[in-house]
PDB file of N, CA and C in Angstrom:
ATOM      1  N   MET A   1      -3.757 -75.886 -17.105  1.00  0.00           N
ATOM      2  CA  MET A   1      -3.482 -76.089 -15.592  1.00  0.00           C
ATOM      3  C   MET A   1      -2.510 -77.222 -15.473  1.00  0.00           C
ATOM      4  N   THR A   2      -1.584 -77.343 -14.221  1.00  0.00           N
ATOM      5  CA  THR A   2      -0.618 -78.141 -13.860  1.00  0.00           C
ATOM      6  C   THR A   2      -1.118 -79.240 -13.246  1.00  0.00           C
ATOM      7  N   LEU A   3      -0.676 -80.493 -13.392  1.00  0.00           N
ATOM      8  CA  LEU A   3      -0.847 -81.979 -12.675  1.00  0.00           C
ATOM      9  C   LEU A   3      -0.834 -81.161 -11.175  1.00  0.00           C
ATOM     10  N   LYS A   4       0.019 -80.394 -10.712  1.00  0.00           N
ATOM     11  CA  LYS A   4      -0.019 -80.143  -9.231  1.00  0.00           C
ATOM     12  C   LYS A   4      -1.331 -79.468  -8.919  1.00  0.00           C
ATOM     13  N   LYS A   5      -1.754 -78.868  -9.460  1.00  0.00           N
ATOM     14  CA  LYS A   5      -3.257 -77.758  -9.242  1.00  0.00           C
ATOM     15  C   LYS A   5      -4.392 -78.882  -9.253  1.00  0.00           C
ATOM     16  N   ILE A   6      -4.180 -79.677 -10.387  1.00  0.00           N
ATOM     17  CA  ILE A   6      -5.146 -80.380 -10.843  1.00  0.00           C
ATOM     18  C   ILE A   6      -5.536 -81.589  -9.676  1.00  0.00           C
ATOM     19  N   ILE A   7      -4.815 -82.125  -9.250  1.00  0.00           N
ATOM     20  CA  ILE A   7      -4.853 -83.226  -7.971  1.00  0.00           C
ATOM     21  C   ILE A   7      -5.232 -82.742  -6.741  1.00  0.00           C
ATOM     22  N   PRO A   8      -5.065 -81.584  -6.045  1.00  0.00           N
ATOM     23  CA  PRO A   8      -5.612 -80.813  -4.969  1.00  0.00           C
ATOM     24  C   PRO A   8      -7.228 -81.177  -5.508  1.00  0.00           C
ATOM     25  N   ALA A   9      -7.804 -80.258  -6.441  1.00  0.00           N
ATOM     26  CA  ALA A   9      -8.860 -80.437  -6.710  1.00  0.00           C
ATOM     27  C   ALA A   9      -9.563 -81.378  -6.948  1.00  0.00           C
ATOM     28  N   VAL A  10      -9.032 -82.404  -7.485  1.00  0.00           N
ATOM     29  CA  VAL A  10      -9.695 -84.072  -7.488  1.00  0.00           C
ATOM     30  C   VAL A  10     -10.197 -84.549  -6.288  1.00  0.00           C
ATOM     31  N   LEU A  11      -9.205 -83.998  -5.363  1.00  0.00           N
ATOM     32  CA  LEU A  11      -9.119 -84.839  -3.906  1.00  0.00           C
ATOM     33  C   LEU A  11     -10.248 -83.932  -2.885  1.00  0.00           C
ATOM     34  N   LEU A  12     -10.180 -82.835  -3.459  1.00  0.00           N
ATOM     35  CA  LEU A  12     -11.534 -81.906  -2.603  1.00  0.00           C
ATOM     36  C   LEU A  12     -12.837 -82.419  -3.186  1.00  0.00           C
ATOM     37  N   VAL A  13     -12.813 -82.749  -4.288  1.00  0.00           N
ATOM     38  CA  VAL A  13     -13.998 -82.996  -5.125  1.00  0.00           C
ATOM     39  C   VAL A  13     -14.333 -84.648  -4.311  1.00  0.00           C
ATOM     40  N   LEU A  14     -13.633 -85.153  -4.432  1.00  0.00           N
ATOM     41  CA  LEU A  14     -13.847 -86.970  -4.177  1.00  0.00           C
ATOM     42  C   LEU A  14     -14.320 -86.484  -2.618  1.00  0.00           C
ATOM     43  N   ALA A  15     -13.468 -85.871  -1.776  1.00  0.00           N
ATOM     44  CA  ALA A  15     -13.781 -85.715  -0.110  1.00  0.00           C
ATOM     45  C   ALA A  15     -15.031 -85.490   0.283  1.00  0.00           C
ATOM     46  N   THR A  16     -15.871 -84.259  -0.977  1.00  0.00           N
ATOM     47  CA  THR A  16     -17.114 -83.868  -1.052  1.00  0.00           C
ATOM     48  C   THR A  16     -18.054 -84.693  -1.184  1.00  0.00           C
ATOM     49  N   MET A  17     -17.871 -85.518  -2.126  1.00  0.00           N
ATOM     50  CA  MET A  17     -18.347 -86.787  -2.688  1.00  0.00           C
ATOM     51  C   MET A  17     -18.794 -87.967  -1.603  1.00  0.00           C
ATOM     52  N   ILE A  18     -17.644 -88.307  -0.842  1.00  0.00           N
ATOM     53  CA  ILE A  18     -17.772 -89.234   0.342  1.00  0.00           C
ATOM     54  C   ILE A  18     -18.287 -88.719   1.309  1.00  0.00           C
ATOM     55  N   GLY A  19     -18.112 -87.348   1.687  1.00  0.00           N
ATOM     56  CA  GLY A  19     -19.298 -86.645   2.896  1.00  0.00           C
ATOM     57  C   GLY A  19     -20.461 -86.979   2.716  1.00  0.00           C
ATOM     58  N   ALA A  20     -20.895 -86.653   1.332  1.00  0.00           N
ATOM     59  CA  ALA A  20     -22.453 -86.698   1.073  1.00  0.00           C
ATOM     60  C   ALA A  20     -22.882 -88.207   0.376  1.00  0.00           C
ATOM     61  N   ALA A  21     -22.366 -89.262   1.071  1.00  0.00           N
ATOM     62  CA  ALA A  21     -22.357 -90.447   0.756  1.00  0.00           C
ATOM     63  C   ALA A  21     -23.833 -90.793   1.556  1.00  0.00           C
ATOM     64  N   PRO A  22     -24.615 -91.901   0.858  1.00  0.00           N
ATOM     65  CA  PRO A  22     -25.735 -92.475   1.670  1.00  0.00           C
ATOM     66  C   PRO A  22     -25.457 -93.123   2.736  1.00  0.00           C
ATOM     67  N   ALA A  23     -26.747 -92.947   3.675  1.00  0.00           N
ATOM     68  CA  ALA A  23     -26.680 -93.347   4.990  1.00  0.00           C
ATOM     69  C   ALA A  23     -26.239 -94.739   4.967  1.00  0.00           C
ATOM     70  N   GLY A  24     -25.299 -94.970   5.793  1.00  0.00           N
ATOM     71  CA  GLY A  24     -24.966 -96.387   6.215  1.00  0.00           C
ATOM     72  C   GLY A  24     -25.936 -96.959   7.098  1.00  0.00           C
ATOM     73  N   ALA A  25     -24.874 -98.249   7.799  1.00  0.00           N
ATOM     74  CA  ALA A  25     -25.679 -98.976   9.006  1.00  0.00           C
ATOM     75  C   ALA A  25     -25.867 -98.131  10.145  1.00  0.00           C
ATOM     76  N   GLU A  26     -24.659 -97.805  10.260  1.00  0.00           N
ATOM     77  CA  GLU A  26     -24.194 -96.489  11.580  1.00  0.00           C
ATOM     78  C   GLU A  26     -25.689 -95.757  11.581  1.00  0.00           C
ATOM     79  N   ASP A  27     -25.773 -94.859  10.508  1.00  0.00           N
ATOM     80  CA  ASP A  27     -26.685 -93.734  10.399  1.00  0.00           C
ATOM     81  C   ASP A  27     -27.999 -94.237  10.655  1.00  0.00           C
ATOM     82  N   VAL A  28     -28.647 -95.394   9.838  1.00  0.00           N
ATOM     83  CA  VAL A  28     -29.568 -95.668  10.135  1.00  0.00           C
ATOM     84  C   VAL A  28     -29.966 -96.318  11.650  1.00  0.00           C
ATOM     85  N   GLU A  29     -29.310 -97.204  11.936  1.00  0.00           N
ATOM     86  CA  GLU A  29     -29.252 -97.100  13.385  1.00  0.00           C
ATOM     87  C   GLU A  29     -29.471 -96.310  14.519  1.00  0.00           C
ATOM     88  N   LYS A  30     -28.673 -94.933  14.201  1.00  0.00           N
ATOM     89  CA  LYS A  30     -28.899 -93.903  14.724  1.00  0.00           C
ATOM     90  C   LYS A  30     -30.546 -93.353  14.716  1.00  0.00           C
ATOM     91  N   VAL A  31     -30.957 -93.204  13.670  1.00  0.00           N
ATOM     92  CA  VAL A  31     -32.222 -93.179  13.206  1.00  0.00           C
ATOM     93  C   VAL A  31     -33.177 -93.657  13.962  1.00  0.00           C
ATOM     94  N   PHE A  32     -33.092 -94.878  13.941  1.00  0.00           N
ATOM     95  CA  PHE A  32     -34.199 -96.422  14.450  1.00  0.00           C
ATOM     96  C   PHE A  32     -34.066 -95.770  16.092  1.00  0.00           C
ATOM     97  N   LYS A  33     -32.785 -95.481  16.667  1.00  0.00           N
ATOM     98  CA  LYS A  33     -32.855 -95.125  17.928  1.00  0.00           C
ATOM     99  C   LYS A  33     -33.554 -94.048  18.238  1.00  0.00           C
ATOM    100  N   PHE A  34     -33.417 -93.180  17.658  1.00  0.00           N
ATOM    101  CA  PHE A  34     -33.951 -91.863  17.697  1.00  0.00           C
ATOM    102  C   PHE A  34     -35.488 -91.693  17.567  1.00  0.00           C
ATOM    103  N   TYR A  35     -35.950 -92.081  16.565  1.00  0.00           N
ATOM    104  CA  TYR A  35     -37.326 -91.941  16.160  1.00  0.00           C
ATOM    105  C   TYR A  35     -37.814 -93.165  16.209  1.00  0.00           C
ATOM    106  N   CYS A  36     -37.764 -94.389  16.462  1.00  0.00           N
ATOM    107  CA  CYS A  36     -38.492 -95.368  16.572  1.00  0.00           C
ATOM    108  C   CYS A  36     -38.580 -96.261  17.880  1.00  0.00           C
ATOM    109  N   ALA A  37     -37.219 -96.247  17.997  1.00  0.00           N
ATOM    110  CA  ALA A  37     -37.299 -97.394  19.269  1.00  0.00           C
ATOM    111  C   ALA A  37     -37.620 -96.895  20.539  1.00  0.00           C
ATOM    112  N   GLN A  38     -37.923 -95.599  20.295  1.00  0.00           N
ATOM    113  CA  GLN A  38     -38.774 -94.840  22.018  1.00  0.00           C
ATOM    114  C   GLN A  38     -40.173 -95.618  22.337  1.00  0.00           C
ATOM    115  N   CYS A  39     -40.544 -96.144  20.748  1.00  0.00           N
ATOM    116  CA  CYS A  39     -42.076 -97.049  21.230  1.00  0.00           C
ATOM    117  C   CYS A  39     -42.185 -98.189  20.980  1.00  0.00           C
ATOM    118  N   HIS A  40     -41.462 -98.414  19.606  1.00  0.00           N
ATOM    119  CA  HIS A  40     -41.165 -99.766  19.269  1.00  0.00           C
ATOM    120  C   HIS A  40     -39.955-100.654  20.013  1.00  0.00           C
ATOM    121  N   GLY A  41     -39.279-100.266  20.534  1.00  0.00           N
ATOM    122  CA  GLY A  41     -38.340-100.875  21.255  1.00  0.00           C
ATOM    123  C   GLY A  41     -36.715-101.166  20.504  1.00  0.00           C
ATOM    124  N   LEU A  42     -35.796-101.356  21.113  1.00  0.00           N
ATOM    125  CA  LEU A  42     -34.474-101.242  20.519  1.00  0.00           C
ATOM    126  C   LEU A  42     -34.443-102.560  19.753  1.00  0.00           C
ATOM    127  N   THR A  43     -35.038-103.669  19.937  1.00  0.00           N
ATOM    128  CA  THR A  43     -35.123-104.914  19.366  1.00  0.00           C
ATOM    129  C   THR A  43     -36.349-105.006  18.270  1.00  0.00           C
ATOM    130  N   GLY A  44     -37.081-103.762  18.212  1.00  0.00           N
ATOM    131  CA  GLY A  44     -38.375-103.588  17.290  1.00  0.00           C
ATOM    132  C   GLY A  44     -39.641-104.758  18.097  1.00  0.00           C
ATOM    133  N   ASP A  45     -39.714-104.779  19.634  1.00  0.00           N
ATOM    134  CA  ASP A  45     -40.468-105.816  20.129  1.00  0.00           C
ATOM    135  C   ASP A  45     -42.038-105.144  20.272  1.00  0.00           C
ATOM    136  N   GLY A  46     -41.862-103.891  20.111  1.00  0.00           N
ATOM    137  CA  GLY A  46     -42.941-102.736  20.510  1.00  0.00           C
ATOM    138  C   GLY A  46     -42.960-102.628  22.052  1.00  0.00           C
ATOM    139  N   LYS A  47     -42.091-102.434  22.461  1.00  0.00           N
ATOM    140  CA  LYS A  47     -42.014-102.464  24.264  1.00  0.00           C
ATOM    141  C   LYS A  47     -40.497-101.547  24.405  1.00  0.00           C
ATOM    142  N   GLY A  48     -40.630 -99.848  23.754  1.00  0.00           N
ATOM    143  CA  GLY A  48     -39.904 -99.042  24.032  1.00  0.00           C
ATOM    144  C   GLY A  48     -40.250 -98.372  25.419  1.00  0.00           C
ATOM    145  N   ILE A  49     -39.339 -97.379  25.556  1.00  0.00           N
ATOM    146  CA  ILE A  49     -39.208 -97.129  26.771  1.00  0.00           C
ATOM    147  C   ILE A  49     -40.533 -95.767  26.800  1.00  0.00           C
ATOM    148  N   ASN A  50     -41.210 -95.629  26.117  1.00  0.00           N
ATOM    149  CA  ASN A  50     -42.326 -94.639  26.198  1.00  0.00           C
ATOM    150  C   ASN A  50     -43.675 -95.553  26.399  1.00  0.00           C
ATOM    151  N   VAL A  51     -43.535 -96.847  26.467  1.00  0.00           N
ATOM    152  CA  VAL A  51     -44.853 -97.478  26.337  1.00  0.00           C
ATOM    153  C   VAL A  51     -44.936 -97.987  27.992  1.00  0.00           C
ATOM    154  N   THR A  52     -45.782 -97.158  28.495  1.00  0.00           N
ATOM    155  CA  THR A  52     -46.084 -97.368  29.739  1.00  0.00           C
ATOM    156  C   THR A  52     -47.570 -98.416  29.615  1.00  0.00           C
ATOM    157  N   GLU A  53     -48.089 -98.613  31.142  1.00  0.00           N
ATOM    158  CA  GLU A  53     -49.041 -99.335  31.122  1.00  0.00           C
ATOM    159  C   GLU A  53     -50.041 -98.647  30.813  1.00  0.00           C
ATOM    160  N   ASP A  54     -50.324 -97.356  30.750  1.00  0.00           N
ATOM    161  CA  ASP A  54     -51.122 -96.216  30.350  1.00  0.00           C
ATOM    162  C   ASP A  54     -51.097 -95.602  28.979  1.00  0.00           C
ATOM    163  N   PHE A  55     -50.091 -96.228  28.078  1.00  0.00           N
ATOM    164  CA  PHE A  55     -49.949 -96.028  26.954  1.00  0.00           C
ATOM    165  C   PHE A  55     -51.155 -96.411  26.302  1.00  0.00           C
ATOM    166  N   PRO A  56     -52.036 -95.540  25.201  1.00  0.00           N
ATOM    167  CA  PRO A  56     -53.212 -95.874  24.685  1.00  0.00           C
ATOM    168  C   PRO A  56     -53.106 -97.007  23.410  1.00  0.00           C
ATOM    169  N   VAL A  57     -52.023 -97.281  22.849  1.00  0.00           N
ATOM    170  CA  VAL A  57     -51.932 -98.234  21.876  1.00  0.00           C
ATOM    171  C   VAL A  57     -50.446 -99.179  22.058  1.00  0.00           C
ATOM    172  N   THR A  58     -50.844-100.289  21.268  1.00  0.00           N
ATOM    173  CA  THR A  58     -49.604-101.357  21.790  1.00  0.00           C
ATOM    174  C   THR A  58     -48.859-100.860  20.162  1.00  0.00           C
ATOM    175  N   PRO A  59     -47.557-100.382  20.421  1.00  0.00           N
ATOM    176  CA  PRO A  59     -46.879-100.197  19.245  1.00  0.00           C
ATOM    177  C   PRO A  59     -46.494-101.634  18.421  1.00  0.00           C
ATOM    178  N   ARG A  60     -46.741-101.504  16.957  1.00  0.00           N
ATOM    179  CA  ARG A  60     -46.257-102.835  16.406  1.00  0.00           C
ATOM    180  C   ARG A  60     -44.908-103.306  16.804  1.00  0.00           C
ATOM    181  N   ALA A  61     -45.036-104.473  16.893  1.00  0.00           N
ATOM    182  CA  ALA A  61     -43.720-105.220  16.831  1.00  0.00           C
ATOM    183  C   ALA A  61     -43.054-105.606  15.822  1.00  0.00           C
ATOM    184  N   PHE A  62     -42.271-105.091  15.420  1.00  0.00           N
ATOM    185  CA  PHE A  62     -41.473-104.960  13.975  1.00  0.00           C
ATOM    186  C   PHE A  62     -40.349-106.622  13.885  1.00  0.00           C
ATOM    187  N   ASN A  63     -40.362-107.132  14.860  1.00  0.00           N
ATOM    188  CA  ASN A  63     -40.065-108.693  15.055  1.00  0.00           C
ATOM    189  C   ASN A  63     -40.652-109.529  15.186  1.00  0.00           C
ATOM    190  N   ASN A  64     -42.038-109.313  14.422  1.00  0.00           N
ATOM    191  CA  ASN A  64     -43.216-110.510  14.429  1.00  0.00           C
ATOM    192  C   ASN A  64     -42.998-110.805  12.914  1.00  0.00           C
ATOM    193  N   ALA A  65     -42.610-111.617  12.645  1.00  0.00           N
ATOM    194  CA  ALA A  65     -42.942-111.979  10.998  1.00  0.00           C
ATOM    195  C   ALA A  65     -43.906-112.387  10.045  1.00  0.00           C
ATOM    196  N   ALA A  66     -44.762-112.856  11.119  1.00  0.00           N
ATOM    197  CA  ALA A  66     -46.141-113.246  10.567  1.00  0.00           C
ATOM    198  C   ALA A  66     -46.719-111.981  10.388  1.00  0.00           C
ATOM    199  N   GLU A  67     -47.041-110.612  11.494  1.00  0.00           N
ATOM    200  CA  GLU A  67     -47.866-109.783  11.330  1.00  0.00           C
ATOM    201  C   GLU A  67     -46.895-108.842  10.220  1.00  0.00           C
ATOM    202  N   MET A  68     -45.593-108.743   9.859  1.00  0.00           N
ATOM    203  CA  MET A  68     -44.677-108.082   9.166  1.00  0.00           C
ATOM    204  C   MET A  68     -45.291-108.397   7.647  1.00  0.00           C
ATOM    205  N   ASN A  69     -45.117-109.664   7.515  1.00  0.00           N
ATOM    206  CA  ASN A  69     -45.180-110.295   6.268  1.00  0.00           C
ATOM    207  C   ASN A  69     -46.654-109.996   5.364  1.00  0.00           C
ATOM    208  N   LYS A  70     -47.205-109.145   6.285  1.00  0.00           N
ATOM    209  CA  LYS A  70     -48.697-108.856   5.604  1.00  0.00           C
ATOM    210  C   LYS A  70     -48.527-107.605   5.156  1.00  0.00           C
ATOM    211  N   LEU A  71     -47.411-106.808   5.617  1.00  0.00           N
ATOM    212  CA  LEU A  71     -47.200-105.538   5.116  1.00  0.00           C
ATOM    213  C   LEU A  71     -46.367-105.453   3.428  1.00  0.00           C
ATOM    214  N   THR A  72     -46.666-104.552   2.692  1.00  0.00           N
ATOM    215  CA  THR A  72     -45.491-104.566   1.968  1.00  0.00           C
ATOM    216  C   THR A  72     -44.354-103.529   1.907  1.00  0.00           C
ATOM    217  N   ASP A  73     -43.323-103.063   1.199  1.00  0.00           N
ATOM    218  CA  ASP A  73     -42.361-102.134   1.525  1.00  0.00           C
ATOM    219  C   ASP A  73     -43.139-100.912   1.337  1.00  0.00           C
ATOM    220  N   ALA A  74     -44.153-100.747   0.266  1.00  0.00           N
ATOM    221  CA  ALA A  74     -44.960 -99.332   0.399  1.00  0.00           C
ATOM    222  C   ALA A  74     -45.686 -99.079   1.521  1.00  0.00           C
ATOM    223  N   ASP A  75     -46.244-100.132   2.133  1.00  0.00           N
ATOM    224  CA  ASP A  75     -47.131 -99.837   3.035  1.00  0.00           C
ATOM    225  C   ASP A  75     -46.370 -99.479   4.466  1.00  0.00           C
ATOM    226  N   LEU A  76     -45.163 -99.944   4.768  1.00  0.00           N
ATOM    227  CA  LEU A  76     -44.265 -99.454   5.679  1.00  0.00           C
ATOM    228  C   LEU A  76     -43.799 -97.903   5.427  1.00  0.00           C
ATOM    229  N   ARG A  77     -43.265 -97.695   3.974  1.00  0.00           N
ATOM    230  CA  ARG A  77     -42.843 -96.387   3.844  1.00  0.00           C
ATOM    231  C   ARG A  77     -44.324 -95.311   4.240  1.00  0.00           C
ATOM    232  N   ASN A  78     -45.250 -95.756   3.854  1.00  0.00           N
ATOM    233  CA  ASN A  78     -46.483 -94.930   3.735  1.00  0.00           C
ATOM    234  C   ASN A  78     -46.629 -94.441   5.374  1.00  0.00           C
ATOM    235  N   VAL A  79     -46.530 -95.429   6.114  1.00  0.00           N
ATOM    236  CA  VAL A  79     -47.019 -95.011   7.539  1.00  0.00           C
ATOM    237  C   VAL A  79     -45.737 -94.293   7.914  1.00  0.00           C
ATOM    238  N   ILE A  80     -44.475 -94.622   7.811  1.00  0.00           N
ATOM    239  CA  ILE A  80     -43.246 -93.575   7.961  1.00  0.00           C
ATOM    240  C   ILE A  80     -43.477 -92.294   7.503  1.00  0.00           C
ATOM    241  N   ARG A  81     -44.314 -92.075   6.406  1.00  0.00           N
ATOM    242  CA  ARG A  81     -44.150 -91.103   5.728  1.00  0.00           C
ATOM    243  C   ARG A  81     -45.365 -90.255   6.438  1.00  0.00           C
ATOM    244  N   GLU A  82     -46.481 -90.715   6.444  1.00  0.00           N
ATOM    245  CA  GLU A  82     -47.876 -90.239   6.630  1.00  0.00           C
ATOM    246  C   GLU A  82     -48.252 -90.301   8.262  1.00  0.00           C
ATOM    247  N   GLY A  83     -47.448 -91.237   8.935  1.00  0.00           N
ATOM    248  CA  GLY A  83     -47.949 -91.643  10.477  1.00  0.00           C
ATOM    249  C   GLY A  83     -49.055 -92.926  10.378  1.00  0.00           C
ATOM    250  N   GLY A  84     -49.508 -92.867  11.329  1.00  0.00           N
ATOM    251  CA  GLY A  84     -50.468 -94.237  11.738  1.00  0.00           C
ATOM    252  C   GLY A  84     -52.157 -94.123  11.061  1.00  0.00           C
ATOM    253  N   PRO A  85     -52.539 -92.866  11.085  1.00  0.00           N
ATOM    254  CA  PRO A  85     -53.788 -92.625  10.529  1.00  0.00           C
ATOM    255  C   PRO A  85     -53.909 -93.052   8.876  1.00  0.00           C
ATOM    256  N   ILE A  86     -52.785 -93.172   8.312  1.00  0.00           N
ATOM    257  CA  ILE A  86     -52.757 -93.274   6.857  1.00  0.00           C
ATOM    258  C   ILE A  86     -53.488 -94.602   6.548  1.00  0.00           C
ATOM    259  N   ALA A  87     -53.089 -95.553   7.656  1.00  0.00           N
ATOM    260  CA  ALA A  87     -53.364 -96.827   7.563  1.00  0.00           C
ATOM    261  C   ALA A  87     -54.587 -97.411   8.416  1.00  0.00           C
ATOM    262  N   SER A  88     -55.103 -96.370   8.956  1.00  0.00           N
ATOM    263  CA  SER A  88     -56.009 -96.597   9.898  1.00  0.00           C
ATOM    264  C   SER A  88     -55.624 -97.094  11.165  1.00  0.00           C
ATOM    265  N   LYS A  89     -54.672 -96.694  11.240  1.00  0.00           N
ATOM    266  CA  LYS A  89     -53.735 -96.899  12.846  1.00  0.00           C
ATOM    267  C   LYS A  89     -53.602 -95.540  13.579  1.00  0.00           C
ATOM    268  N   SER A  90     -53.417 -95.553  14.747  1.00  0.00           N
ATOM    269  CA  SER A  90     -53.291 -94.595  15.820  1.00  0.00           C
ATOM    270  C   SER A  90     -52.629 -93.421  15.612  1.00  0.00           C
ATOM    271  N   GLU A  91     -53.363 -92.287  15.627  1.00  0.00           N
ATOM    272  CA  GLU A  91     -52.041 -91.160  15.762  1.00  0.00           C
ATOM    273  C   GLU A  91     -50.892 -91.097  16.358  1.00  0.00           C
ATOM    274  N   MET A  92     -50.935 -91.746  17.424  1.00  0.00           N
ATOM    275  CA  MET A  92     -49.722 -91.930  18.168  1.00  0.00           C
ATOM    276  C   MET A  92     -48.503 -92.046  17.364  1.00  0.00           C
ATOM    277  N   MET A  93     -48.554 -92.875  16.156  1.00  0.00           N
ATOM    278  CA  MET A  93     -47.550 -92.846  15.433  1.00  0.00           C
ATOM    279  C   MET A  93     -47.519 -91.528  14.113  1.00  0.00           C
ATOM    280  N   PRO A  94     -46.461 -90.591  14.643  1.00  0.00           N
ATOM    281  CA  PRO A  94     -46.629 -89.667  13.724  1.00  0.00           C
ATOM    282  C   PRO A  94     -45.689 -89.497  12.533  1.00  0.00           C
ATOM    283  N   PRO A  95     -46.201 -88.836  11.804  1.00  0.00           N
ATOM    284  CA  PRO A  95     -45.547 -88.876  10.322  1.00  0.00           C
ATOM    285  C   PRO A  95     -44.275 -88.089  10.448  1.00  0.00           C
ATOM    286  N   TRP A  96     -43.489 -89.007   9.699  1.00  0.00           N
ATOM    287  CA  TRP A  96     -41.848 -88.477   9.507  1.00  0.00           C
ATOM    288  C   TRP A  96     -41.492 -87.716   8.281  1.00  0.00           C
ATOM    289  N   SER A  97     -42.431 -87.488   7.393  1.00  0.00           N
ATOM    290  CA  SER A  97     -42.051 -87.242   5.822  1.00  0.00           C
ATOM    291  C   SER A  97     -41.386 -85.861   5.772  1.00  0.00           C
ATOM    292  N   LYS A  98     -41.732 -85.076   7.049  1.00  0.00           N
ATOM    293  CA  LYS A  98     -41.081 -83.411   7.036  1.00  0.00           C
ATOM    294  C   LYS A  98     -39.714 -83.715   7.562  1.00  0.00           C
ATOM    295  N   THR A  99     -39.636 -84.857   8.558  1.00  0.00           N
ATOM    296  CA  THR A  99     -38.046 -84.998   9.211  1.00  0.00           C
ATOM    297  C   THR A  99     -37.023 -85.768   8.540  1.00  0.00           C
ATOM    298  N   LEU A 100     -37.802 -86.922   8.265  1.00  0.00           N
ATOM    299  CA  LEU A 100     -36.577 -87.587   7.703  1.00  0.00           C
ATOM    300  C   LEU A 100     -36.513 -87.640   5.902  1.00  0.00           C
ATOM    301  N   THR A 101     -35.458 -87.877   5.657  1.00  0.00           N
ATOM    302  CA  THR A 101     -35.251 -87.653   3.885  1.00  0.00           C
ATOM    303  C   THR A 101     -35.874 -89.095   3.513  1.00  0.00           C
ATOM    304  N   ASP A 102     -35.983 -89.286   2.021  1.00  0.00           N
ATOM    305  CA  ASP A 102     -36.493 -90.585   1.404  1.00  0.00           C
ATOM    306  C   ASP A 102     -35.336 -92.017   1.810  1.00  0.00           C
ATOM    307  N   VAL A 103     -34.155 -91.202   1.650  1.00  0.00           N
ATOM    308  CA  VAL A 103     -32.971 -92.301   2.042  1.00  0.00           C
ATOM    309  C   VAL A 103     -33.186 -92.945   3.124  1.00  0.00           C
ATOM    310  N   GLU A 104     -33.609 -91.960   4.333  1.00  0.00           N
ATOM    311  CA  GLU A 104     -33.465 -92.153   5.471  1.00  0.00           C
ATOM    312  C   GLU A 104     -34.638 -93.412   5.667  1.00  0.00           C
ATOM    313  N   ILE A 105     -35.777 -93.300   5.007  1.00  0.00           N
ATOM    314  CA  ILE A 105     -37.145 -93.866   5.003  1.00  0.00           C
ATOM    315  C   ILE A 105     -36.956 -95.287   4.392  1.00  0.00           C
ATOM    316  N   ASP A 106     -35.974 -95.040   3.080  1.00  0.00           N
ATOM    317  CA  ASP A 106     -35.872 -96.306   2.812  1.00  0.00           C
ATOM    318  C   ASP A 106     -34.955 -97.308   3.646  1.00  0.00           C
ATOM    319  N   ASP A 107     -34.041 -96.691   4.260  1.00  0.00           N
ATOM    320  CA  ASP A 107     -32.918 -97.606   4.936  1.00  0.00           C
ATOM    321  C   ASP A 107     -33.865 -98.025   6.252  1.00  0.00           C
ATOM    322  N   LEU A 108     -34.591 -97.194   6.694  1.00  0.00           N
ATOM    323  CA  LEU A 108     -35.635 -97.733   8.036  1.00  0.00           C
ATOM    324  C   LEU A 108     -36.379 -99.067   7.490  1.00  0.00           C
ATOM    325  N   VAL A 109     -37.156 -98.990   6.485  1.00  0.00           N
ATOM    326  CA  VAL A 109     -37.633-100.294   5.915  1.00  0.00           C
ATOM    327  C   VAL A 109     -37.018-101.499   5.709  1.00  0.00           C
ATOM    328  N   LYS A 110     -35.574-101.200   5.231  1.00  0.00           N
ATOM    329  CA  LYS A 110     -34.689-102.023   5.233  1.00  0.00           C
ATOM    330  C   LYS A 110     -34.367-102.522   6.587  1.00  0.00           C
ATOM    331  N   LYS A 111     -34.263-101.476   7.419  1.00  0.00           N
ATOM    332  CA  LYS A 111     -33.709-102.105   8.924  1.00  0.00           C
ATOM    333  C   LYS A 111     -35.260-103.114   9.642  1.00  0.00           C
ATOM    334  N   LEU A 112     -36.556-102.347   9.050  1.00  0.00           N
ATOM    335  CA  LEU A 112     -37.434-103.274   9.753  1.00  0.00           C
ATOM    336  C   LEU A 112     -37.623-104.692   9.245  1.00  0.00           C
ATOM    337  N   ARG A 113     -37.258-104.705   7.835  1.00  0.00           N
ATOM    338  CA  ARG A 113     -37.158-106.419   7.321  1.00  0.00           C
ATOM    339  C   ARG A 113     -36.275-106.888   7.929  1.00  0.00           C
ATOM    340  N   ASP A 114     -34.812-106.519   8.476  1.00  0.00           N
ATOM    341  CA  ASP A 114     -34.141-106.786   9.161  1.00  0.00           C
ATOM    342  C   ASP A 114     -34.511-107.361  10.413  1.00  0.00           C
ATOM    343  N   LEU A 115     -35.042-106.702  10.996  1.00  0.00           N
ATOM    344  CA  LEU A 115     -35.809-107.115  12.273  1.00  0.00           C
ATOM    345  C   LEU A 115     -36.841-108.337  12.530  1.00  0.00           C
ATOM    346  N   CYS A 116     -37.492-108.164  11.327  1.00  0.00           N
ATOM    347  CA  CYS A 116     -38.779-109.312  11.064  1.00  0.00           C
ATOM    348  C   CYS A 116     -37.972-110.587  10.596  1.00  0.00           C
ATOM    349  N   GLN A 117     -36.827-110.399   9.802  1.00  0.00           N
ATOM    350  CA  GLN A 117     -36.374-111.431   9.343  1.00  0.00           C
ATOM    351  C   GLN A 117     -37.435-111.851   7.987  1.00  0.00           C
ATOM    352  N   CYS A 118     -37.888-111.082   7.311  1.00  0.00           N
ATOM    353  CA  CYS A 118     -38.979-111.187   6.586  1.00  0.00           C
ATOM    354  C   CYS A 118     -38.811-110.294   5.126  1.00  0.00           C
ATOM    355  N   LYS A 119     -39.209-110.737   4.188  1.00  0.00           N
ATOM    356  CA  LYS A 119     -39.282-109.930   3.160  1.00  0.00           C
ATOM    357  C   LYS A 119     -40.527-109.098   3.021  1.00  0.00           C
ATOM    358  N   GLY A 120     -41.702-109.459   3.736  1.00  0.00           N
ATOM    359  CA  GLY A 120     -43.230-109.139   3.539  1.00  0.00           C
ATOM    360  C   GLY A 120     -43.862-109.415   2.148  1.00  0.00           C
ATOM    361  N   LYS A 121     -44.950-108.877   2.319  1.00  0.00           N
ATOM    362  CA  LYS A 121     -45.965-108.968   1.486  1.00  0.00           C
ATOM    363  C   LYS A 121     -45.808-108.074  -0.041  1.00  0.00           C
ATOM    364  N   GLN A 122     -45.201-108.671  -0.909  1.00  0.00           N
ATOM    365  CA  GLN A 122     -44.852-108.398  -2.425  1.00  0.00           C
ATOM    366  C   GLN A 122     -46.154-107.487  -3.213  1.00  0.00           C
ATOM    367  N   GLY A 123     -46.026-106.722  -3.616  1.00  0.00           N
ATOM    368  CA  GLY A 123     -47.226-105.713  -4.081  1.00  0.00           C
ATOM    369  C   GLY A 123     -46.897-104.761  -4.879  1.00  0.00           C
TER     370      GLY A 123
END
């Protein structure tokens, strides 16, 4: 095989690999806005557009470091994957395990830690 044939093949492989790169900051923002901000708010204050006076629960405020520090990253992953009832919380928090990938869930955990500016309980 000549170099002229190898270079386009290598470029094609590289382009494919770049397209399959892990989610970046822009992607996690889109995921957060679509799946989380509706209830938890764009700033993570627990006051999303779905939260009205008759909303049956108060969504967790991700920007509350004192509360968020009580949770491990595993706690956050479990609730995102399995929904509120897994942590004895409201059924209003749906399970996202069939909707979001593990990478997206891990990126969301990092996003939540950014919002609270905390590391959380180590465990």
